[in-house]
């Protein structure tokens, strides 16, 4: 075999090995690319699913409402607002029979409790006979919701128990101030009744003022929450006529709000200590 033939054969062998190696390398690269493509597709589909799921739960800020209407807090808040507005409208423009029924079953007093209508201690917190009174109370609820929304459980517990404490305090004070243990119910039956959600608003106000003392209401009032709260308390103290100010019920509900805030702080500290251990 001549040298030329030998060199040609060696060169052809080298070329075959190089081409086979290139083919195997190309095939391996294609397999790797296929694997990466499948991984990228899975990752993209997962990201799209997460984005859709997150979009349905994400906090949606708004100029008017701080949260979506699909949360439990929104249902609780707007449910209370709607209930107060509906009962107030019925008490203002409803038929005389409806107005009389609302006054009988939604206004608590010493007479109502003595008559056995104990449920008025709760129903008095969801009705007003004055549209201005209703608007001011609901405006306070909206103001504190703009600072930092309460959870549905916090809102309902503060509203219901604050209203109950307010009604009980009002009835007890009217009985004590008019008759007391000396005269029983002789003079207390003519004392004024309590109607409106001022008690729950007072409980929520002190609760928020205690837990968030530097929160500023989003209504153009450049004052912290405690200043606004104690300004209202100061005005109530200078009201001389009891029949025009249910300050006893407001103060009782405000004290309940402070106790609820202390309980919330103690519970959070206990949970924090438990997690650290």
Protein backbone atom coordinates (compact mmCIF):
# COMPACT_ATOMS: atom_id res chain seq x y z
CA UNK A 1 0.00 0.00 0.00
CA UNK A 2 1.43 3.29 -1.02
CA UNK A 3 1.87 6.20 1.32
CA UNK A 4 -0.82 8.17 -0.47
CA UNK A 5 -3.42 5.45 -0.01
CA UNK A 6 -2.46 5.02 3.64
CA UNK A 7 -2.80 8.72 4.33
CA UNK A 8 -6.15 8.83 2.51
CA UNK A 9 -7.48 5.91 4.54
CA UNK A 10 -6.33 7.46 7.81
CA UNK A 11 -7.89 10.79 6.90
CA UNK A 12 -11.19 9.16 5.97
CA UNK A 13 -11.22 7.28 9.28
CA UNK A 14 -10.61 10.46 11.20
CA UNK A 15 -13.38 12.22 9.30
CA UNK A 16 -15.82 9.37 10.02
CA UNK A 17 -15.02 9.55 13.73
CA UNK A 18 -15.41 13.30 13.76
CA UNK A 19 -18.74 13.11 11.90
CA UNK A 20 -20.05 10.38 14.21
CA UNK A 21 -18.95 12.38 17.24
CA UNK A 22 -20.62 15.47 15.81
CA UNK A 23 -23.81 13.52 15.14
CA UNK A 24 -23.87 12.09 18.66
CA UNK A 25 -23.16 15.53 20.09
CA UNK A 26 -25.97 17.04 18.03
CA UNK A 27 -28.34 14.32 19.14
CA UNK A 28 -27.37 14.88 22.79
CA UNK A 29 -27.82 18.62 22.41
CA UNK A 30 -31.26 18.08 20.91
CA UNK A 31 -32.22 15.83 23.81
CA UNK A 32 -30.93 18.36 26.31
CA UNK A 33 -32.76 21.17 24.52
CA UNK A 34 -35.94 19.10 24.56
CA UNK A 35 -35.61 18.57 28.29
CA UNK A 36 -34.97 22.26 28.88
CA UNK A 37 -37.91 23.22 26.68
CA UNK A 38 -40.22 20.95 28.63
CA UNK A 39 -38.93 22.40 31.90
CA UNK A 40 -39.41 25.92 30.59
CA UNK A 41 -42.95 25.09 29.50
CA UNK A 42 -43.79 23.62 32.90
CA UNK A 43 -42.27 26.63 34.62
CA UNK A 44 -44.21 29.05 32.42
CA UNK A 45 -47.49 27.23 32.96
CA UNK A 46 -46.87 27.18 36.72
CA UNK A 47 -46.09 30.90 36.73
CA UNK A 48 -49.26 31.64 34.78
CA UNK A 49 -51.34 29.57 37.21
CA UNK A 50 -49.71 31.29 40.20
CA UNK A 51 -50.28 34.69 38.62
CA UNK A 52 -53.95 33.95 38.03
CA UNK A 53 -54.39 32.59 41.54
CA UNK A 54 -52.54 35.56 43.05
CA UNK A 55 -54.56 38.03 41.00
CA UNK A 56 -57.78 36.66 42.42
CA UNK A 57 -56.49 37.12 45.99
CA UNK A 58 -54.25 40.16 45.69
CA UNK A 59 -54.93 43.35 47.63
CA UNK A 60 -56.64 45.74 45.22
CA UNK A 61 -56.27 49.31 46.55
CA UNK A 62 -58.85 51.86 45.56
CA UNK A 63 -59.51 55.50 46.20
CA UNK A 64 -62.81 54.71 47.89
CA UNK A 65 -62.49 51.16 49.22
CA UNK A 66 -59.29 49.71 50.71
CA UNK A 67 -60.05 46.09 49.82
CA UNK A 68 -61.86 43.89 47.40
CA UNK A 69 -65.54 43.21 48.03
CA UNK A 70 -64.88 39.45 48.06
CA UNK A 71 -63.22 39.30 51.48
CA UNK A 72 -64.90 38.30 54.71
CA UNK A 73 -64.03 41.69 56.21
CA UNK A 74 -65.79 43.46 53.34
CA UNK A 75 -68.90 41.33 53.74
CA UNK A 76 -69.00 42.06 57.49
CA UNK A 77 -68.36 45.79 57.08
CA UNK A 78 -70.82 46.45 54.26
CA UNK A 79 -73.36 44.15 55.88
CA UNK A 80 -73.36 46.32 59.02
CA UNK A 81 -73.50 49.48 56.92
CA UNK A 82 -76.44 48.15 54.88
CA UNK A 83 -78.31 46.97 57.97
CA UNK A 84 -78.01 50.38 59.65
CA UNK A 85 -79.04 52.24 56.50
CA UNK A 86 -82.02 49.94 55.85
CA UNK A 87 -83.41 50.22 59.39
CA UNK A 88 -82.87 53.98 59.46
CA UNK A 89 -84.66 54.47 56.15
CA UNK A 90 -87.52 52.28 57.38
CA UNK A 91 -87.74 54.28 60.61
CA UNK A 92 -87.77 57.60 58.71
CA UNK A 93 -89.95 56.99 55.66
CA UNK A 94 -91.69 53.71 56.39
CA UNK A 95 -95.36 53.29 57.22
CA UNK A 96 -96.48 54.20 60.75
CA UNK A 97 -96.77 50.52 61.67
CA UNK A 98 -93.14 49.90 60.66
CA UNK A 99 -91.93 52.98 62.52
CA UNK A 100 -93.78 51.91 65.65
CA UNK A 101 -92.39 48.38 65.41
CA UNK A 102 -88.84 49.67 65.05
CA UNK A 103 -89.19 51.94 68.07
CA UNK A 104 -90.66 49.10 70.10
CA UNK A 105 -88.18 46.39 69.14
CA UNK A 106 -84.99 48.38 68.41
CA UNK A 107 -84.88 50.95 71.21
CA UNK A 108 -83.59 49.81 74.56
CA UNK A 109 -84.48 51.44 77.86
CA UNK A 110 -85.26 50.60 81.45
CA UNK A 111 -88.90 50.16 80.45
CA UNK A 112 -88.00 47.77 77.60
CA UNK A 113 -85.82 45.62 79.87
CA UNK A 114 -88.44 45.60 82.60
CA UNK A 115 -91.04 44.58 80.02
CA UNK A 116 -88.93 41.54 79.06
CA UNK A 117 -87.62 42.83 75.73
CA UNK A 118 -84.02 41.99 76.48
CA UNK A 119 -83.22 41.60 72.78
CA UNK A 120 -83.39 45.39 72.48
CA UNK A 121 -79.97 45.46 74.15
CA UNK A 122 -78.62 44.15 70.83
CA UNK A 123 -81.07 45.48 68.26
CA UNK A 124 -80.56 49.07 69.42
CA UNK A 125 -77.11 49.04 67.77
CA UNK A 126 -78.39 48.67 64.22
CA UNK A 127 -81.02 51.39 63.97
CA UNK A 128 -81.27 55.18 64.07
CA UNK A 129 -84.18 57.60 64.02
CA UNK A 130 -81.98 60.46 62.83
CA UNK A 131 -80.35 60.38 59.41
CA UNK A 132 -77.60 62.76 60.58
CA UNK A 133 -76.84 60.52 63.58
CA UNK A 134 -76.64 57.48 61.31
CA UNK A 135 -74.39 59.28 58.81
CA UNK A 136 -71.96 60.43 61.49
CA UNK A 137 -71.66 56.99 63.06
CA UNK A 138 -71.15 55.25 59.73
CA UNK A 139 -68.65 57.91 58.69
CA UNK A 140 -66.61 57.11 61.79
CA UNK A 141 -66.62 53.42 60.85
CA UNK A 142 -65.43 54.27 57.34
CA UNK A 143 -62.72 56.54 58.74
CA UNK A 144 -61.25 53.85 60.98
CA UNK A 145 -61.47 51.31 58.16
CA UNK A 146 -59.36 53.58 55.98
CA UNK A 147 -56.64 53.74 58.64
CA UNK A 148 -56.31 49.96 58.94
CA UNK A 149 -59.20 47.57 58.24
CA UNK A 150 -60.23 45.25 61.04
CA UNK A 151 -60.70 41.58 60.35
CA UNK A 152 -64.25 40.29 60.10
CA UNK A 153 -63.98 38.63 63.50
CA UNK A 154 -62.59 41.75 65.20
CA UNK A 155 -65.21 43.98 63.60
CA UNK A 156 -68.17 41.78 64.52
CA UNK A 157 -66.96 41.10 68.08
CA UNK A 158 -66.28 44.77 68.77
CA UNK A 159 -69.55 45.85 67.17
CA UNK A 160 -71.82 43.31 68.87
CA UNK A 161 -70.20 43.30 72.31
CA UNK A 162 -69.60 47.05 72.22
CA UNK A 163 -73.29 47.62 71.48
CA UNK A 164 -74.31 45.20 74.22
CA UNK A 165 -72.06 46.84 76.81
CA UNK A 166 -73.28 50.28 75.73
CA UNK A 167 -76.93 49.30 76.13
CA UNK A 168 -76.37 47.65 79.51
CA UNK A 169 -74.40 50.63 80.78
CA UNK A 170 -77.07 53.06 79.58
CA UNK A 171 -79.91 51.10 81.18
CA UNK A 172 -78.00 50.63 84.44
CA UNK A 173 -77.07 54.30 84.65
CA UNK A 174 -80.61 55.48 83.90
CA UNK A 175 -82.00 53.17 86.57
CA UNK A 176 -79.39 54.26 89.12
CA UNK A 177 -79.69 57.98 88.34
CA UNK A 178 -83.51 58.05 88.34
CA UNK A 179 -84.46 55.54 91.03
CA UNK A 180 -81.69 53.34 92.28
CA UNK A 181 -82.18 50.63 94.89
CA UNK A 182 -84.22 52.98 97.06
CA UNK A 183 -87.13 53.47 94.65
CA UNK A 184 -86.74 50.48 92.30
CA UNK A 185 -88.43 51.21 88.98
CA UNK A 186 -90.72 53.94 90.23
CA UNK A 187 -89.04 56.81 88.37
CA UNK A 188 -86.71 54.92 86.04
CA UNK A 189 -89.45 53.86 83.60
CA UNK A 190 -89.63 57.38 82.20
CA UNK A 191 -85.94 57.64 81.40
CA UNK A 192 -84.91 58.03 77.73
CA UNK A 193 -84.08 55.08 75.55
CA UNK A 194 -80.94 54.31 73.56
CA UNK A 195 -80.96 53.97 69.79
CA UNK A 196 -78.02 53.94 67.39
CA UNK A 197 -74.56 52.43 66.91
CA UNK A 198 -72.69 55.08 68.90
CA UNK A 199 -71.66 52.39 71.39
CA UNK A 200 -70.01 50.10 68.84
CA UNK A 201 -68.32 53.12 67.24
CA UNK A 202 -66.95 54.16 70.67
CA UNK A 203 -65.63 50.63 71.27
CA UNK A 204 -63.92 50.53 67.87
CA UNK A 205 -62.53 54.05 68.39
CA UNK A 206 -60.80 53.23 71.67
CA UNK A 207 -59.63 49.89 70.31
CA UNK A 208 -57.98 51.58 67.34
CA UNK A 209 -56.64 54.47 69.44
CA UNK A 210 -54.97 52.05 71.85
CA UNK A 211 -53.42 49.76 69.23
CA UNK A 212 -52.61 52.42 66.61
CA UNK A 213 -52.10 55.73 68.44
CA UNK A 214 -50.32 57.38 65.51
CA UNK A 215 -52.89 56.46 62.88
CA UNK A 216 -54.21 59.48 61.03
CA UNK A 217 -57.79 59.44 59.73
CA UNK A 218 -58.01 59.75 55.94
CA UNK A 219 -60.66 62.46 56.00
CA UNK A 220 -58.46 65.54 55.84
CA UNK A 221 -58.17 65.77 59.65
CA UNK A 222 -54.46 66.27 60.49
CA UNK A 223 -54.84 64.83 64.00
CA UNK A 224 -53.94 61.42 65.42
CA UNK A 225 -56.74 59.10 66.45
CA UNK A 226 -56.47 59.70 70.24
CA UNK A 227 -56.78 63.48 69.79
CA UNK A 228 -59.95 63.09 67.74
CA UNK A 229 -61.33 60.54 70.21
CA UNK A 230 -60.72 62.57 73.35
CA UNK A 231 -62.02 65.71 71.66
CA UNK A 232 -65.35 63.91 71.25
CA UNK A 233 -65.20 62.77 74.89
CA UNK A 234 -64.50 66.34 75.99
CA UNK A 235 -67.56 67.57 74.09
CA UNK A 236 -69.73 64.87 75.66
CA UNK A 237 -68.68 65.90 79.16
CA UNK A 238 -70.05 69.38 78.62
CA UNK A 239 -73.49 68.19 77.59
CA UNK A 240 -75.72 68.96 80.57
CA UNK A 241 -78.99 67.36 79.48
CA UNK A 242 -78.88 63.60 79.74
CA UNK A 243 -81.78 63.10 77.35
CA UNK A 244 -79.72 64.63 74.55
CA UNK A 245 -76.52 62.63 75.12
CA UNK A 246 -76.17 58.93 75.84
CA UNK A 247 -72.67 59.51 77.23
CA UNK A 248 -73.02 56.71 79.79
CA UNK A 249 -73.42 54.15 77.02
CA UNK A 250 -70.55 55.65 75.02
CA UNK A 251 -68.20 55.60 78.00
CA UNK A 252 -69.10 52.01 78.84
CA UNK A 253 -68.43 50.90 75.25
CA UNK A 254 -65.19 52.92 75.19
CA UNK A 255 -64.00 51.12 78.33
CA UNK A 256 -64.83 47.81 76.66
CA UNK A 257 -62.73 48.84 73.64
CA UNK A 258 -59.73 49.49 75.88
CA UNK A 259 -60.16 46.10 77.58
CA UNK A 260 -60.42 44.42 74.17
CA UNK A 261 -57.21 46.15 73.04
CA UNK A 262 -55.39 45.01 76.20
CA UNK A 263 -56.62 41.46 75.62
CA UNK A 264 -55.41 41.63 72.00
CA UNK A 265 -51.94 42.80 73.10
CA UNK A 266 -51.70 40.08 75.75
CA UNK A 267 -52.79 37.43 73.25
CA UNK A 268 -50.22 38.57 70.67
CA UNK A 269 -47.42 38.54 73.23
CA UNK A 270 -48.40 35.07 74.39
CA UNK A 271 -48.40 33.81 70.79
CA UNK A 272 -45.01 35.44 70.15
CA UNK A 273 -43.51 33.86 73.27
CA UNK A 274 -44.98 30.50 72.28
CA UNK A 275 -43.43 30.68 68.78
CA UNK A 276 -40.03 31.66 70.20
CA UNK A 277 -40.02 28.61 72.47
